[in-house]
């Protein structure tokens, strides 16, 4: 696992919005599932995320976000890819993996 994301990747994924001027309110941010807007991310979290998978030269990655923690202690999970306008976020790694499994099984 690698906590140090390439700074160019951070800039590319956030569109340079890593500053305090880019705000997403809680009503937008804490929406998960089908109703979620992938653009509703908080770029300030990105440099602090834990990268848990990344294929060399791939343009997608799984991250855990210690900035958002469930009451059970689970870190929010993000899926970033070049074809997304932001990130698909999940309440936990468990939720992310279950969604990936359903996609793999074509159960969506």
PDB file of N, CA and C in Angstrom:
ATOM      1  N   UNK A   1       0.842  -1.171   0.000  1.00  0.00           N
ATOM      2  CA  UNK A   1       0.000   0.000   0.000  1.00  0.00           C
ATOM      3  C   UNK A   1       0.893   1.241   0.000  1.00  0.00           C
ATOM      4  N   UNK A   2       0.425   2.261  -0.651  1.00  0.00           N
ATOM      5  CA  UNK A   2       1.232   3.457  -0.829  1.00  0.00           C
ATOM      6  C   UNK A   2       0.391   4.681  -0.515  1.00  0.00           C
ATOM      7  N   UNK A   3       0.845   5.483   0.408  1.00  0.00           N
ATOM      8  CA  UNK A   3       0.089   6.674   0.772  1.00  0.00           C
ATOM      9  C   UNK A   3       0.475   7.876  -0.075  1.00  0.00           C
ATOM     10  N   UNK A   4       1.591   7.799  -0.772  1.00  0.00           N
ATOM     11  CA  UNK A   4       2.094   8.937  -1.512  1.00  0.00           C
ATOM     12  C   UNK A   4       1.650   8.884  -2.958  1.00  0.00           C
ATOM     13  N   UNK A   5       0.568   9.595  -3.275  1.00  0.00           N
ATOM     14  CA  UNK A   5       0.112   9.692  -4.652  1.00  0.00           C
ATOM     15  C   UNK A   5       1.007  10.671  -5.397  1.00  0.00           C
ATOM     16  N   UNK A   6       1.261  10.386  -6.627  1.00  0.00           N
ATOM     17  CA  UNK A   6       2.025  11.285  -7.475  1.00  0.00           C
ATOM     18  C   UNK A   6       1.318  12.635  -7.519  1.00  0.00           C
ATOM     19  N   UNK A   7       2.046  13.712  -7.263  1.00  0.00           N
ATOM     20  CA  UNK A   7       1.417  15.037  -7.217  1.00  0.00           C
ATOM     21  C   UNK A   7       0.785  15.417  -8.544  1.00  0.00           C
ATOM     22  N   UNK A   8       1.339  14.956  -9.668  1.00  0.00           N
ATOM     23  CA  UNK A   8       0.722  15.224 -10.966  1.00  0.00           C
ATOM     24  C   UNK A   8      -0.627  14.517 -11.086  1.00  0.00           C
ATOM     25  N   UNK A   9      -0.725  13.302 -10.540  1.00  0.00           N
ATOM     26  CA  UNK A   9      -2.001  12.587 -10.560  1.00  0.00           C
ATOM     27  C   UNK A   9      -3.037  13.323  -9.715  1.00  0.00           C
ATOM     28  N   UNK A  10      -2.621  13.820  -8.564  1.00  0.00           N
ATOM     29  CA  UNK A  10      -3.537  14.565  -7.708  1.00  0.00           C
ATOM     30  C   UNK A  10      -4.060  15.778  -8.464  1.00  0.00           C
ATOM     31  N   UNK A  11      -3.166  16.511  -9.119  1.00  0.00           N
ATOM     32  CA  UNK A  11      -3.573  17.698  -9.885  1.00  0.00           C
ATOM     33  C   UNK A  11      -4.486  17.314 -11.038  1.00  0.00           C
ATOM     34  N   UNK A  12      -4.146  16.239 -11.755  1.00  0.00           N
ATOM     35  CA  UNK A  12      -4.980  15.797 -12.872  1.00  0.00           C
ATOM     36  C   UNK A  12      -6.384  15.421 -12.407  1.00  0.00           C
ATOM     37  N   UNK A  13      -6.476  14.673 -11.314  1.00  0.00           N
ATOM     38  CA  UNK A  13      -7.769  14.202 -10.845  1.00  0.00           C
ATOM     39  C   UNK A  13      -8.614  15.295 -10.224  1.00  0.00           C
ATOM     40  N   UNK A  14      -7.975  16.286  -9.657  1.00  0.00           N
ATOM     41  CA  UNK A  14      -8.739  17.352  -9.009  1.00  0.00           C
ATOM     42  C   UNK A  14      -8.918  18.553  -9.910  1.00  0.00           C
ATOM     43  N   UNK A  15      -8.291  18.549 -11.063  1.00  0.00           N
ATOM     44  CA  UNK A  15      -8.374  19.698 -11.946  1.00  0.00           C
ATOM     45  C   UNK A  15      -7.766  20.933 -11.313  1.00  0.00           C
ATOM     46  N   UNK A  16      -6.847  20.718 -10.378  1.00  0.00           N
ATOM     47  CA  UNK A  16      -6.217  21.834  -9.697  1.00  0.00           C
ATOM     48  C   UNK A  16      -7.065  22.430  -8.592  1.00  0.00           C
ATOM     49  N   UNK A  17      -8.178  21.761  -8.221  1.00  0.00           N
ATOM     50  CA  UNK A  17      -9.078  22.299  -7.189  1.00  0.00           C
ATOM     51  C   UNK A  17      -8.702  21.835  -5.796  1.00  0.00           C
ATOM     52  N   UNK A  18      -7.436  21.681  -5.515  1.00  0.00           N
ATOM     53  CA  UNK A  18      -7.017  21.240  -4.196  1.00  0.00           C
ATOM     54  C   UNK A  18      -7.058  22.346  -3.163  1.00  0.00           C
ATOM     55  N   UNK A  19      -7.542  23.501  -3.524  1.00  0.00           N
ATOM     56  CA  UNK A  19      -7.539  24.630  -2.604  1.00  0.00           C
ATOM     57  C   UNK A  19      -8.874  24.769  -1.879  1.00  0.00           C
ATOM     58  N   UNK A  20      -8.913  25.691  -0.949  1.00  0.00           N
ATOM     59  CA  UNK A  20     -10.098  25.878  -0.111  1.00  0.00           C
ATOM     60  C   UNK A  20     -11.261  26.526  -0.854  1.00  0.00           C
ATOM     61  N   UNK A  21     -11.038  27.024  -2.071  1.00  0.00           N
ATOM     62  CA  UNK A  21     -12.109  27.688  -2.815  1.00  0.00           C
ATOM     63  C   UNK A  21     -13.113  26.702  -3.420  1.00  0.00           C
ATOM     64  N   UNK A  22     -12.766  25.433  -3.478  1.00  0.00           N
ATOM     65  CA  UNK A  22     -13.629  24.423  -4.067  1.00  0.00           C
ATOM     66  C   UNK A  22     -14.324  23.681  -2.935  1.00  0.00           C
ATOM     67  N   UNK A  23     -15.609  23.916  -2.763  1.00  0.00           N
ATOM     68  CA  UNK A  23     -16.349  23.328  -1.644  1.00  0.00           C
ATOM     69  C   UNK A  23     -17.547  22.510  -2.132  1.00  0.00           C
ATOM     70  N   UNK A  24     -17.744  21.375  -1.508  1.00  0.00           N
ATOM     71  CA  UNK A  24     -18.924  20.550  -1.733  1.00  0.00           C
ATOM     72  C   UNK A  24     -19.576  20.406  -0.366  1.00  0.00           C
ATOM     73  N   UNK A  25     -20.834  20.838  -0.266  1.00  0.00           N
ATOM     74  CA  UNK A  25     -21.483  20.764   1.045  1.00  0.00           C
ATOM     75  C   UNK A  25     -21.846  19.324   1.398  1.00  0.00           C
ATOM     76  N   UNK A  26     -22.120  19.090   2.668  1.00  0.00           N
ATOM     77  CA  UNK A  26     -22.418  17.745   3.163  1.00  0.00           C
ATOM     78  C   UNK A  26     -23.605  17.105   2.459  1.00  0.00           C
ATOM     79  N   UNK A  27     -24.623  17.902   2.113  1.00  0.00           N
ATOM     80  CA  UNK A  27     -25.800  17.363   1.430  1.00  0.00           C
ATOM     81  C   UNK A  27     -25.441  16.739   0.089  1.00  0.00           C
ATOM     82  N   UNK A  28     -24.439  17.272  -0.574  1.00  0.00           N
ATOM     83  CA  UNK A  28     -23.976  16.706  -1.845  1.00  0.00           C
ATOM     84  C   UNK A  28     -22.951  15.607  -1.607  1.00  0.00           C
ATOM     85  N   UNK A  29     -22.047  15.844  -0.669  1.00  0.00           N
ATOM     86  CA  UNK A  29     -20.923  14.930  -0.485  1.00  0.00           C
ATOM     87  C   UNK A  29     -21.347  13.569   0.047  1.00  0.00           C
ATOM     88  N   UNK A  30     -22.228  13.537   1.026  1.00  0.00           N
ATOM     89  CA  UNK A  30     -22.563  12.277   1.672  1.00  0.00           C
ATOM     90  C   UNK A  30     -23.711  11.531   0.995  1.00  0.00           C
ATOM     91  N   UNK A  31     -23.732  11.606  -0.316  1.00  0.00           N
ATOM     92  CA  UNK A  31     -24.659  10.812  -1.131  1.00  0.00           C
ATOM     93  C   UNK A  31     -23.844   9.680  -1.741  1.00  0.00           C
ATOM     94  N   UNK A  32     -24.286   8.456  -1.522  1.00  0.00           N
ATOM     95  CA  UNK A  32     -23.599   7.287  -2.066  1.00  0.00           C
ATOM     96  C   UNK A  32     -24.574   6.528  -2.956  1.00  0.00           C
ATOM     97  N   UNK A  33     -24.061   5.653  -3.777  1.00  0.00           N
ATOM     98  CA  UNK A  33     -24.909   4.847  -4.637  1.00  0.00           C
ATOM     99  C   UNK A  33     -25.271   5.549  -5.929  1.00  0.00           C
ATOM    100  N   UNK A  34     -26.368   5.121  -6.523  1.00  0.00           N
ATOM    101  CA  UNK A  34     -26.786   5.596  -7.838  1.00  0.00           C
ATOM    102  C   UNK A  34     -27.018   7.106  -7.896  1.00  0.00           C
ATOM    103  N   UNK A  35     -27.438   7.715  -6.803  1.00  0.00           N
ATOM    104  CA  UNK A  35     -27.752   9.142  -6.795  1.00  0.00           C
ATOM    105  C   UNK A  35     -26.504  10.024  -6.655  1.00  0.00           C
ATOM    106  N   UNK A  36     -25.364   9.405  -6.433  1.00  0.00           N
ATOM    107  CA  UNK A  36     -24.126  10.159  -6.228  1.00  0.00           C
ATOM    108  C   UNK A  36     -23.663  10.819  -7.518  1.00  0.00           C
ATOM    109  N   UNK A  37     -23.170  12.041  -7.409  1.00  0.00           N
ATOM    110  CA  UNK A  37     -22.539  12.740  -8.524  1.00  0.00           C
ATOM    111  C   UNK A  37     -21.035  12.608  -8.335  1.00  0.00           C
ATOM    112  N   UNK A  38     -20.332  11.917  -9.247  1.00  0.00           N
ATOM    113  CA  UNK A  38     -18.881  11.721  -9.082  1.00  0.00           C
ATOM    114  C   UNK A  38     -18.085  13.021  -8.987  1.00  0.00           C
ATOM    115  N   UNK A  39     -18.669  14.119  -9.413  1.00  0.00           N
ATOM    116  CA  UNK A  39     -17.981  15.403  -9.328  1.00  0.00           C
ATOM    117  C   UNK A  39     -17.967  15.923  -7.882  1.00  0.00           C
ATOM    118  N   UNK A  40     -18.856  15.418  -7.060  1.00  0.00           N
ATOM    119  CA  UNK A  40     -18.980  15.898  -5.679  1.00  0.00           C
ATOM    120  C   UNK A  40     -17.927  15.258  -4.776  1.00  0.00           C
ATOM    121  N   UNK A  41     -16.689  15.611  -5.032  1.00  0.00           N
ATOM    122  CA  UNK A  41     -15.599  15.146  -4.180  1.00  0.00           C
ATOM    123  C   UNK A  41     -15.022  16.335  -3.424  1.00  0.00           C
ATOM    124  N   UNK A  42     -14.238  16.029  -2.456  1.00  0.00           N
ATOM    125  CA  UNK A  42     -13.515  17.057  -1.713  1.00  0.00           C
ATOM    126  C   UNK A  42     -12.029  16.840  -1.996  1.00  0.00           C
ATOM    127  N   UNK A  43     -11.505  17.597  -2.962  1.00  0.00           N
ATOM    128  CA  UNK A  43     -10.121  17.391  -3.401  1.00  0.00           C
ATOM    129  C   UNK A  43      -9.091  17.504  -2.282  1.00  0.00           C
ATOM    130  N   UNK A  44      -9.417  18.236  -1.233  1.00  0.00           N
ATOM    131  CA  UNK A  44      -8.462  18.389  -0.141  1.00  0.00           C
ATOM    132  C   UNK A  44      -8.176  17.062   0.563  1.00  0.00           C
ATOM    133  N   UNK A  45      -9.055  16.071   0.415  1.00  0.00           N
ATOM    134  CA  UNK A  45      -8.817  14.752   1.004  1.00  0.00           C
ATOM    135  C   UNK A  45      -7.792  13.941   0.202  1.00  0.00           C
ATOM    136  N   UNK A  46      -7.713  14.182  -1.075  1.00  0.00           N
ATOM    137  CA  UNK A  46      -6.929  13.327  -1.967  1.00  0.00           C
ATOM    138  C   UNK A  46      -5.472  13.136  -1.546  1.00  0.00           C
ATOM    139  N   UNK A  47      -4.735  14.177  -1.181  1.00  0.00           N
ATOM    140  CA  UNK A  47      -3.339  13.954  -0.796  1.00  0.00           C
ATOM    141  C   UNK A  47      -3.159  13.091   0.456  1.00  0.00           C
ATOM    142  N   UNK A  48      -4.225  12.904   1.246  1.00  0.00           N
ATOM    143  CA  UNK A  48      -4.142  12.148   2.490  1.00  0.00           C
ATOM    144  C   UNK A  48      -4.666  10.721   2.358  1.00  0.00           C
ATOM    145  N   UNK A  49      -5.157  10.368   1.182  1.00  0.00           N
ATOM    146  CA  UNK A  49      -5.721   9.036   0.995  1.00  0.00           C
ATOM    147  C   UNK A  49      -4.628   7.981   0.967  1.00  0.00           C
ATOM    148  N   UNK A  50      -5.052   6.759   1.210  1.00  0.00           N
ATOM    149  CA  UNK A  50      -4.169   5.598   1.166  1.00  0.00           C
ATOM    150  C   UNK A  50      -4.458   4.839  -0.115  1.00  0.00           C
ATOM    151  N   UNK A  51      -3.475   4.749  -0.980  1.00  0.00           N
ATOM    152  CA  UNK A  51      -3.642   4.015  -2.245  1.00  0.00           C
ATOM    153  C   UNK A  51      -3.537   2.528  -1.941  1.00  0.00           C
ATOM    154  N   UNK A  52      -4.600   1.769  -2.282  1.00  0.00           N
ATOM    155  CA  UNK A  52      -4.608   0.344  -1.966  1.00  0.00           C
ATOM    156  C   UNK A  52      -4.466  -0.538  -3.196  1.00  0.00           C
ATOM    157  N   UNK A  53      -4.564   0.051  -4.372  1.00  0.00           N
ATOM    158  CA  UNK A  53      -4.284  -0.712  -5.586  1.00  0.00           C
ATOM    159  C   UNK A  53      -4.002   0.257  -6.710  1.00  0.00           C
ATOM    160  N   UNK A  54      -3.095  -0.148  -7.539  1.00  0.00           N
ATOM    161  CA  UNK A  54      -2.775   0.669  -8.704  1.00  0.00           C
ATOM    162  C   UNK A  54      -1.927  -0.173  -9.636  1.00  0.00           C
ATOM    163  N   UNK A  55      -2.408  -0.394 -10.820  1.00  0.00           N
ATOM    164  CA  UNK A  55      -1.655  -1.116 -11.823  1.00  0.00           C
ATOM    165  C   UNK A  55      -0.724  -0.134 -12.512  1.00  0.00           C
ATOM    166  N   UNK A  56       0.559  -0.464 -12.629  1.00  0.00           N
ATOM    167  CA  UNK A  56       1.473   0.471 -13.306  1.00  0.00           C
ATOM    168  C   UNK A  56       0.929   0.884 -14.675  1.00  0.00           C
ATOM    169  N   UNK A  57       1.029   2.156 -14.953  1.00  0.00           N
ATOM    170  CA  UNK A  57       0.571   2.751 -16.207  1.00  0.00           C
ATOM    171  C   UNK A  57      -0.948   2.733 -16.377  1.00  0.00           C
ATOM    172  N   UNK A  58      -1.681   2.289 -15.349  1.00  0.00           N
ATOM    173  CA  UNK A  58      -3.142   2.325 -15.422  1.00  0.00           C
ATOM    174  C   UNK A  58      -3.620   3.715 -15.029  1.00  0.00           C
ATOM    175  N   UNK A  59      -4.807   4.029 -15.440  1.00  0.00           N
ATOM    176  CA  UNK A  59      -5.365   5.349 -15.124  1.00  0.00           C
ATOM    177  C   UNK A  59      -6.540   5.243 -14.160  1.00  0.00           C
ATOM    178  N   UNK A  60      -6.569   4.174 -13.380  1.00  0.00           N
ATOM    179  CA  UNK A  60      -7.579   4.048 -12.342  1.00  0.00           C
ATOM    180  C   UNK A  60      -6.909   3.544 -11.066  1.00  0.00           C
ATOM    181  N   UNK A  61      -7.541   3.834  -9.941  1.00  0.00           N
ATOM    182  CA  UNK A  61      -6.939   3.496  -8.656  1.00  0.00           C
ATOM    183  C   UNK A  61      -8.031   3.413  -7.589  1.00  0.00           C
ATOM    184  N   UNK A  62      -7.803   2.558  -6.585  1.00  0.00           N
ATOM    185  CA  UNK A  62      -8.649   2.479  -5.397  1.00  0.00           C
ATOM    186  C   UNK A  62      -7.932   3.190  -4.256  1.00  0.00           C
ATOM    187  N   UNK A  63      -8.691   3.983  -3.508  1.00  0.00           N
ATOM    188  CA  UNK A  63      -8.123   4.743  -2.397  1.00  0.00           C
ATOM    189  C   UNK A  63      -9.002   4.592  -1.160  1.00  0.00           C
ATOM    190  N   UNK A  64      -8.391   4.697   0.007  1.00  0.00           N
ATOM    191  CA  UNK A  64      -9.133   4.802   1.259  1.00  0.00           C
ATOM    192  C   UNK A  64      -8.912   6.199   1.803  1.00  0.00           C
ATOM    193  N   UNK A  65     -10.003   6.800   2.280  1.00  0.00           N
ATOM    194  CA  UNK A  65      -9.976   8.181   2.731  1.00  0.00           C
ATOM    195  C   UNK A  65     -10.120   8.248   4.252  1.00  0.00           C
ATOM    196  N   UNK A  66      -9.027   8.567   4.980  1.00  0.00           N
ATOM    197  CA  UNK A  66      -9.136   8.671   6.435  1.00  0.00           C
ATOM    198  C   UNK A  66      -9.855   9.936   6.898  1.00  0.00           C
ATOM    199  N   UNK A  67     -10.202  10.817   5.971  1.00  0.00           N
ATOM    200  CA  UNK A  67     -10.909  12.042   6.320  1.00  0.00           C
ATOM    201  C   UNK A  67     -12.386  11.832   6.582  1.00  0.00           C
ATOM    202  N   UNK A  68     -12.919  10.687   6.155  1.00  0.00           N
ATOM    203  CA  UNK A  68     -14.328  10.348   6.390  1.00  0.00           C
ATOM    204  C   UNK A  68     -14.354   8.924   6.949  1.00  0.00           C
ATOM    205  N   UNK A  69     -14.793   8.799   8.191  1.00  0.00           N
ATOM    206  CA  UNK A  69     -14.792   7.520   8.892  1.00  0.00           C
ATOM    207  C   UNK A  69     -16.199   7.232   9.408  1.00  0.00           C
ATOM    208  N   UNK A  70     -16.673   6.011   9.162  1.00  0.00           N
ATOM    209  CA  UNK A  70     -17.999   5.612   9.647  1.00  0.00           C
ATOM    210  C   UNK A  70     -17.957   5.435  11.167  1.00  0.00           C
ATOM    211  N   UNK A  71     -19.117   5.365  11.819  1.00  0.00           N
ATOM    212  CA  UNK A  71     -19.138   5.095  13.262  1.00  0.00           C
ATOM    213  C   UNK A  71     -18.453   3.771  13.627  1.00  0.00           C
ATOM    214  N   UNK A  72     -18.394   2.838  12.662  1.00  0.00           N
ATOM    215  CA  UNK A  72     -17.736   1.553  12.898  1.00  0.00           C
ATOM    216  C   UNK A  72     -16.230   1.607  12.674  1.00  0.00           C
ATOM    217  N   UNK A  73     -15.715   2.778  12.291  1.00  0.00           N
ATOM    218  CA  UNK A  73     -14.281   2.928  12.078  1.00  0.00           C
ATOM    219  C   UNK A  73     -13.809   2.648  10.665  1.00  0.00           C
ATOM    220  N   UNK A  74     -14.751   2.457   9.727  1.00  0.00           N
ATOM    221  CA  UNK A  74     -14.393   2.188   8.332  1.00  0.00           C
ATOM    222  C   UNK A  74     -14.080   3.489   7.604  1.00  0.00           C
ATOM    223  N   UNK A  75     -13.002   3.503   6.854  1.00  0.00           N
ATOM    224  CA  UNK A  75     -12.649   4.658   6.042  1.00  0.00           C
ATOM    225  C   UNK A  75     -13.463   4.655   4.759  1.00  0.00           C
ATOM    226  N   UNK A  76     -13.837   5.816   4.308  1.00  0.00           N
ATOM    227  CA  UNK A  76     -14.503   5.964   3.016  1.00  0.00           C
ATOM    228  C   UNK A  76     -13.565   5.437   1.931  1.00  0.00           C
ATOM    229  N   UNK A  77     -14.120   4.811   0.884  1.00  0.00           N
ATOM    230  CA  UNK A  77     -13.333   4.277  -0.231  1.00  0.00           C
ATOM    231  C   UNK A  77     -13.677   5.033  -1.505  1.00  0.00           C
ATOM    232  N   UNK A  78     -12.663   5.278  -2.324  1.00  0.00           N
ATOM    233  CA  UNK A  78     -12.836   5.999  -3.591  1.00  0.00           C
ATOM    234  C   UNK A  78     -12.343   5.145  -4.743  1.00  0.00           C
ATOM    235  N   UNK A  79     -13.031   5.273  -5.863  1.00  0.00           N
ATOM    236  CA  UNK A  79     -12.538   4.715  -7.113  1.00  0.00           C
ATOM    237  C   UNK A  79     -12.342   5.886  -8.069  1.00  0.00           C
ATOM    238  N   UNK A  80     -11.108   6.082  -8.504  1.00  0.00           N
ATOM    239  CA  UNK A  80     -10.770   7.147  -9.448  1.00  0.00           C
ATOM    240  C   UNK A  80     -10.349   6.523 -10.767  1.00  0.00           C
ATOM    241  N   UNK A  81     -10.811   7.092 -11.853  1.00  0.00           N
ATOM    242  CA  UNK A  81     -10.425   6.633 -13.187  1.00  0.00           C
ATOM    243  C   UNK A  81     -10.453   7.811 -14.148  1.00  0.00           C
ATOM    244  N   UNK A  82      -9.648   7.740 -15.180  1.00  0.00           N
ATOM    245  CA  UNK A  82      -9.560   8.866 -16.110  1.00  0.00           C
ATOM    246  C   UNK A  82     -10.879   9.139 -16.820  1.00  0.00           C
ATOM    247  N   UNK A  83     -11.752   8.154 -16.909  1.00  0.00           N
ATOM    248  CA  UNK A  83     -13.020   8.337 -17.619  1.00  0.00           C
ATOM    249  C   UNK A  83     -14.129   8.879 -16.703  1.00  0.00           C
ATOM    250  N   UNK A  84     -13.827   9.067 -15.430  1.00  0.00           N
ATOM    251  CA  UNK A  84     -14.807   9.636 -14.503  1.00  0.00           C
ATOM    252  C   UNK A  84     -14.539  11.130 -14.321  1.00  0.00           C
ATOM    253  N   UNK A  85     -15.586  11.921 -14.143  1.00  0.00           N
ATOM    254  CA  UNK A  85     -15.378  13.354 -13.932  1.00  0.00           C
ATOM    255  C   UNK A  85     -14.936  13.684 -12.503  1.00  0.00           C
ATOM    256  N   UNK A  86     -14.774  12.694 -11.676  1.00  0.00           N
ATOM    257  CA  UNK A  86     -14.359  12.862 -10.287  1.00  0.00           C
ATOM    258  C   UNK A  86     -14.039  11.494  -9.724  1.00  0.00           C
ATOM    259  N   UNK A  87     -14.740  11.108  -8.686  1.00  0.00           N
ATOM    260  CA  UNK A  87     -14.536   9.798  -8.063  1.00  0.00           C
ATOM    261  C   UNK A  87     -15.886   9.181  -7.730  1.00  0.00           C
ATOM    262  N   UNK A  88     -15.934   7.865  -7.744  1.00  0.00           N
ATOM    263  CA  UNK A  88     -17.086   7.160  -7.206  1.00  0.00           C
ATOM    264  C   UNK A  88     -16.682   6.788  -5.784  1.00  0.00           C
ATOM    265  N   UNK A  89     -17.475   7.246  -4.828  1.00  0.00           N
ATOM    266  CA  UNK A  89     -17.141   7.074  -3.429  1.00  0.00           C
ATOM    267  C   UNK A  89     -18.090   6.071  -2.778  1.00  0.00           C
ATOM    268  N   UNK A  90     -17.564   5.371  -1.793  1.00  0.00           N
ATOM    269  CA  UNK A  90     -18.320   4.361  -1.056  1.00  0.00           C
ATOM    270  C   UNK A  90     -18.113   4.588   0.433  1.00  0.00           C
ATOM    271  N   UNK A  91     -19.096   4.188   1.221  1.00  0.00           N
ATOM    272  CA  UNK A  91     -18.984   4.355   2.674  1.00  0.00           C
ATOM    273  C   UNK A  91     -17.800   3.578   3.246  1.00  0.00           C
ATOM    274  N   UNK A  92     -17.439   2.473   2.573  1.00  0.00           N
ATOM    275  CA  UNK A  92     -16.367   1.618   3.088  1.00  0.00           C
ATOM    276  C   UNK A  92     -15.753   0.805   1.946  1.00  0.00           C
ATOM    277  N   UNK A  93     -14.620   0.201   2.243  1.00  0.00           N
ATOM    278  CA  UNK A  93     -13.972  -0.702   1.297  1.00  0.00           C
ATOM    279  C   UNK A  93     -14.888  -1.884   0.992  1.00  0.00           C
ATOM    280  N   UNK A  94     -15.599  -2.358   1.990  1.00  0.00           N
ATOM    281  CA  UNK A  94     -16.550  -3.463   1.814  1.00  0.00           C
ATOM    282  C   UNK A  94     -17.593  -3.105   0.749  1.00  0.00           C
ATOM    283  N   UNK A  95     -18.163  -1.913   0.858  1.00  0.00           N
ATOM    284  CA  UNK A  95     -19.162  -1.478  -0.123  1.00  0.00           C
ATOM    285  C   UNK A  95     -18.554  -1.372  -1.521  1.00  0.00           C
ATOM    286  N   UNK A  96     -17.344  -0.850  -1.610  1.00  0.00           N
ATOM    287  CA  UNK A  96     -16.661  -0.746  -2.898  1.00  0.00           C
ATOM    288  C   UNK A  96     -16.463  -2.121  -3.525  1.00  0.00           C
ATOM    289  N   UNK A  97     -15.957  -3.065  -2.754  1.00  0.00           N
ATOM    290  CA  UNK A  97     -15.683  -4.398  -3.303  1.00  0.00           C
ATOM    291  C   UNK A  97     -16.972  -5.131  -3.670  1.00  0.00           C
ATOM    292  N   UNK A  98     -18.022  -4.944  -2.888  1.00  0.00           N
ATOM    293  CA  UNK A  98     -19.299  -5.569  -3.240  1.00  0.00           C
ATOM    294  C   UNK A  98     -19.844  -5.001  -4.544  1.00  0.00           C
ATOM    295  N   UNK A  99     -19.708  -3.695  -4.750  1.00  0.00           N
ATOM    296  CA  UNK A  99     -20.151  -3.084  -5.995  1.00  0.00           C
ATOM    297  C   UNK A  99     -19.318  -3.587  -7.176  1.00  0.00           C
ATOM    298  N   UNK A 100     -18.014  -3.684  -6.987  1.00  0.00           N
ATOM    299  CA  UNK A 100     -17.148  -4.208  -8.050  1.00  0.00           C
ATOM    300  C   UNK A 100     -17.520  -5.655  -8.385  1.00  0.00           C
ATOM    301  N   UNK A 101     -17.815  -6.445  -7.377  1.00  0.00           N
ATOM    302  CA  UNK A 101     -18.217  -7.833  -7.598  1.00  0.00           C
ATOM    303  C   UNK A 101     -19.524  -7.909  -8.386  1.00  0.00           C
ATOM    304  N   UNK A 102     -20.497  -7.061  -8.015  1.00  0.00           N
ATOM    305  CA  UNK A 102     -21.768  -7.042  -8.762  1.00  0.00           C
ATOM    306  C   UNK A 102     -21.529  -6.638 -10.214  1.00  0.00           C
ATOM    307  N   UNK A 103     -20.644  -5.664 -10.425  1.00  0.00           N
ATOM    308  CA  UNK A 103     -20.307  -5.256 -11.802  1.00  0.00           C
ATOM    309  C   UNK A 103     -19.664  -6.413 -12.559  1.00  0.00           C
ATOM    310  N   UNK A 104     -18.755  -7.110 -11.906  1.00  0.00           N
ATOM    311  CA  UNK A 104     -18.083  -8.248 -12.524  1.00  0.00           C
ATOM    312  C   UNK A 104     -19.082  -9.340 -12.899  1.00  0.00           C
ATOM    313  N   UNK A 105     -20.038  -9.572 -12.022  1.00  0.00           N
ATOM    314  CA  UNK A 105     -21.057 -10.593 -12.261  1.00  0.00           C
ATOM    315  C   UNK A 105     -22.197 -10.083 -13.130  1.00  0.00           C
ATOM    316  N   UNK A 106     -22.113  -8.801 -13.496  1.00  0.00           N
ATOM    317  CA  UNK A 106     -23.136  -8.141 -14.309  1.00  0.00           C
ATOM    318  C   UNK A 106     -24.501  -8.212 -13.633  1.00  0.00           C
ATOM    319  N   UNK A 107     -24.513  -7.926 -12.341  1.00  0.00           N
ATOM    320  CA  UNK A 107     -25.729  -7.981 -11.538  1.00  0.00           C
ATOM    321  C   UNK A 107     -26.308  -6.595 -11.259  1.00  0.00           C
ATOM    322  N   UNK A 108     -25.855  -5.589 -11.919  1.00  0.00           N
ATOM    323  CA  UNK A 108     -26.347  -4.233 -11.676  1.00  0.00           C
ATOM    324  C   UNK A 108     -27.556  -3.944 -12.480  1.00  0.00           C
TER     325      UNK A 108
END
